[in-house]
Amino acid sequence: MNICIIPARGGSKRIPRKNIRDFCGKPIIAWSIEAAQQSGLFQHIVASTDDDEIAAIAESLGAKAPFRRPPELADDHTPTRPVVNHAIRDVEHRFGRPDYICTIYPTAPFIKADDIKRGLEQLTASGADFAFTATSFAYPIQRALKRTASGGVAMFQPEHRKTRSQDLEPAYHDAGQ
């Protein structure tokens, strides 16, 4: 059994109600739920939320929202891992132990079912314990700048000031999907 967990907190400060804000004609969470559904990989798609409105919208889109996340897992500083661990414990109690768990952020409208399928294929082929989406930085990070105490700028890696960009090693970051 494979489970998809979508962590969708209700209390975003920067963009209020961001997880259910309209994005191209539907709540942004709908894109993640639909990609999970279209992948055909999951027996259960679960929204982990502290918010009744988000739960109702997720359920109207075909996801389950069988519990409300406790306040201590729904504040501005709670990382994703404890939220997912909480959801896993609930899922195991309700549905049994899953073989694979996939977390998709509700604000990942560009994720596609094929991305999810490829992720599972790569995970199972590699024998790794987990996988995550990553993307390359648009510009070489070796040339990144920082502000100095005096208000000027300095390179993080000044030794690469004269290195051609095509000679710099590519760098990647978590794609947040």
Protein backbone atom coordinates (compact mmCIF):
# COMPACT_ATOMS: atom_id res chain seq x y z
CA MET A 1 0.00 0.00 0.00
CA ASN A 2 1.29 3.45 -0.97
CA ILE A 3 0.21 6.63 0.78
CA CYS A 4 0.48 10.25 -0.32
CA ILE A 5 0.58 12.86 2.46
CA ILE A 6 -0.12 16.50 1.64
CA PRO A 7 0.81 18.78 4.57
CA ALA A 8 -1.53 21.79 4.34
CA ARG A 9 -1.43 24.11 7.33
CA GLY A 10 -4.08 26.80 7.64
CA GLY A 11 -2.07 29.60 9.22
CA SER A 12 0.38 30.91 6.63
CA LYS A 13 1.50 34.42 7.56
CA ARG A 14 3.19 35.55 4.31
CA ILE A 15 0.33 34.46 2.04
CA PRO A 16 -2.84 33.96 4.08
CA ARG A 17 -4.85 30.87 3.10
CA LYS A 18 -2.21 30.04 0.47
CA ASN A 19 -2.98 26.31 0.40
CA ILE A 20 -6.50 26.93 -0.89
CA ARG A 21 -5.95 30.14 -2.83
CA ASP A 22 -7.11 30.11 -6.42
CA PHE A 23 -4.40 29.15 -8.89
CA CYS A 24 -5.48 28.97 -12.52
CA GLY A 25 -9.11 28.35 -11.67
CA LYS A 26 -8.91 25.98 -8.70
CA PRO A 27 -7.54 25.84 -5.17
CA ILE A 28 -3.77 25.40 -5.40
CA ILE A 29 -3.95 22.18 -3.32
CA ALA A 30 -6.10 20.67 -6.10
CA TRP A 31 -3.10 20.45 -8.43
CA SER A 32 -1.15 18.29 -5.97
CA ILE A 33 -4.13 16.07 -5.18
CA GLU A 34 -4.89 15.57 -8.88
CA ALA A 35 -1.27 14.71 -9.71
CA ALA A 36 -1.28 12.10 -6.93
CA GLN A 37 -4.58 10.68 -8.20
CA GLN A 38 -3.45 10.61 -11.82
CA SER A 39 -0.26 8.77 -10.90
CA GLY A 40 -2.36 5.75 -9.91
CA LEU A 41 0.22 4.89 -7.24
CA PHE A 42 -1.67 5.67 -4.05
CA GLN A 43 -4.35 3.78 -2.20
CA HIS A 44 -4.86 6.80 0.08
CA ILE A 45 -4.15 10.50 -0.42
CA VAL A 46 -4.21 12.19 2.99
CA ALA A 47 -4.27 15.91 3.74
CA SER A 48 -2.59 16.66 7.05
CA THR A 49 -4.15 19.92 8.22
CA ASP A 50 -5.21 21.85 11.27
CA ASP A 51 -7.91 23.65 9.29
CA ASP A 52 -11.50 22.50 8.71
CA GLU A 53 -11.90 24.48 5.47
CA ILE A 54 -8.73 23.00 3.96
CA ALA A 55 -9.90 19.54 5.07
CA ALA A 56 -13.30 20.05 3.42
CA ILE A 57 -11.73 21.23 0.16
CA ALA A 58 -9.24 18.34 0.14
CA GLU A 59 -12.07 15.86 0.73
CA SER A 60 -14.20 17.45 -2.01
CA LEU A 61 -11.28 16.79 -4.36
CA GLY A 62 -11.06 13.11 -3.41
CA ALA A 63 -8.38 13.20 -0.70
CA LYS A 64 -8.94 12.08 2.88
CA ALA A 65 -8.58 14.37 5.90
CA PRO A 66 -9.32 11.91 8.70
CA PHE A 67 -7.64 13.88 11.50
CA ARG A 68 -6.71 17.43 12.45
CA ARG A 69 -3.09 18.21 13.05
CA PRO A 70 -2.40 19.32 16.64
CA PRO A 71 -1.44 22.98 17.23
CA GLU A 72 2.14 22.13 18.16
CA LEU A 73 2.58 20.72 14.63
CA ALA A 74 0.92 23.66 12.91
CA ASP A 75 2.97 26.70 13.85
CA ASP A 76 5.32 28.84 11.78
CA HIS A 77 8.42 26.93 12.86
CA THR A 78 7.33 23.30 12.54
CA PRO A 79 9.42 21.44 9.95
CA THR A 80 7.84 18.98 7.53
CA ARG A 81 9.28 15.79 9.03
CA PRO A 82 7.38 15.80 12.37
CA VAL A 83 4.19 16.68 10.49
CA VAL A 84 4.66 13.71 8.15
CA ASN A 85 5.62 11.42 11.05
CA HIS A 86 2.38 12.38 12.82
CA ALA A 87 0.40 11.62 9.66
CA ILE A 88 2.19 8.28 9.22
CA ARG A 89 1.22 7.20 12.74
CA ASP A 90 -2.41 8.02 12.01
CA VAL A 91 -2.31 6.30 8.60
CA GLU A 92 -0.79 3.15 10.14
CA HIS A 93 -3.55 3.09 12.76
CA ARG A 94 -6.33 3.54 10.18
CA PHE A 95 -5.07 1.69 7.11
CA GLY A 96 -2.06 -0.41 8.12
CA ARG A 97 1.64 0.00 7.49
CA PRO A 98 2.36 1.55 4.08
CA ASP A 99 5.07 0.28 1.76
CA TYR A 100 5.87 3.74 0.42
CA ILE A 101 4.99 7.23 1.56
CA CYS A 102 5.13 10.25 -0.71
CA THR A 103 4.87 13.82 0.54
CA ILE A 104 3.68 16.43 -1.93
CA TYR A 105 3.41 20.05 -0.89
CA PRO A 106 0.03 21.66 -1.55
CA THR A 107 1.83 24.57 -3.21
CA ALA A 108 3.42 22.43 -5.94
CA PRO A 109 1.01 23.03 -8.83
CA PHE A 110 3.55 22.07 -11.47
CA ILE A 111 4.20 18.53 -10.23
CA LYS A 112 2.93 15.94 -12.67
CA ALA A 113 1.86 12.32 -12.27
CA ASP A 114 4.86 11.24 -14.36
CA ASP A 115 7.21 13.06 -11.95
CA ILE A 116 5.77 11.04 -9.08
CA LYS A 117 6.02 7.77 -11.03
CA ARG A 118 9.65 8.47 -11.99
CA GLY A 119 10.45 9.28 -8.38
CA LEU A 120 9.12 5.93 -7.19
CA GLU A 121 10.92 4.10 -10.01
CA GLN A 122 14.23 5.75 -9.10
CA LEU A 123 13.68 5.12 -5.40
CA THR A 124 12.98 1.42 -5.84
CA ALA A 125 15.79 0.96 -8.40
CA SER A 126 18.37 2.64 -6.17
CA GLY A 127 17.43 0.88 -2.95
CA ALA A 128 17.59 4.24 -1.16
CA ASP A 129 15.46 4.99 1.88
CA PHE A 130 14.03 8.20 0.43
CA ALA A 131 14.04 10.45 -2.61
CA PHE A 132 13.15 14.08 -3.17
CA THR A 133 12.82 16.44 -6.09
CA ALA A 134 15.69 18.76 -6.86
CA THR A 135 16.45 21.29 -9.54
CA SER A 136 19.57 23.07 -10.66
CA PHE A 137 20.32 26.62 -9.60
CA ALA A 138 19.74 29.04 -12.46
CA TYR A 139 23.15 30.62 -11.95
CA PRO A 140 26.42 29.18 -10.60
CA ILE A 141 26.30 29.33 -6.81
CA GLN A 142 30.08 29.57 -6.71
CA ARG A 143 29.60 33.19 -7.79
CA ALA A 144 27.04 34.01 -5.09
CA LEU A 145 27.41 37.28 -3.20
CA LYS A 146 26.78 38.30 0.40
CA ARG A 147 26.45 41.63 2.18
CA THR A 148 29.37 42.61 4.35
CA ALA A 149 29.13 44.29 7.75
CA SER A 150 30.09 47.60 6.14
CA GLY A 151 27.24 47.37 3.61
CA GLY A 152 29.34 46.26 0.65
CA VAL A 153 29.30 42.92 -1.13
CA ALA A 154 31.73 40.02 -1.21
CA MET A 155 31.79 36.69 -2.98
CA PHE A 156 31.12 33.56 -0.95
CA GLN A 157 33.81 31.78 -2.99
CA PRO A 158 36.20 34.47 -4.28
CA GLU A 159 38.50 31.80 -5.71
CA HIS A 160 35.93 31.36 -8.52
CA ARG A 161 35.85 35.03 -9.54
CA LYS A 162 37.66 34.32 -12.82
CA THR A 163 36.43 30.76 -13.43
CA ARG A 164 34.27 30.43 -16.55
CA SER A 165 30.70 29.51 -15.64
CA GLN A 166 30.80 26.43 -17.89
CA ASP A 167 33.76 25.17 -15.85
CA LEU A 168 31.91 25.36 -12.53
CA GLU A 169 30.30 22.27 -11.06
CA PRO A 170 26.48 22.31 -11.31
CA ALA A 171 24.66 22.70 -8.01
CA TYR A 172 21.13 21.68 -7.09
CA HIS A 173 18.54 22.57 -4.48
CA ASP A 174 15.41 20.99 -3.07
CA ALA A 175 12.59 21.83 -5.47
CA GLY A 176 10.05 22.07 -2.67
CA GLN A 177 7.59 19.75 -4.39
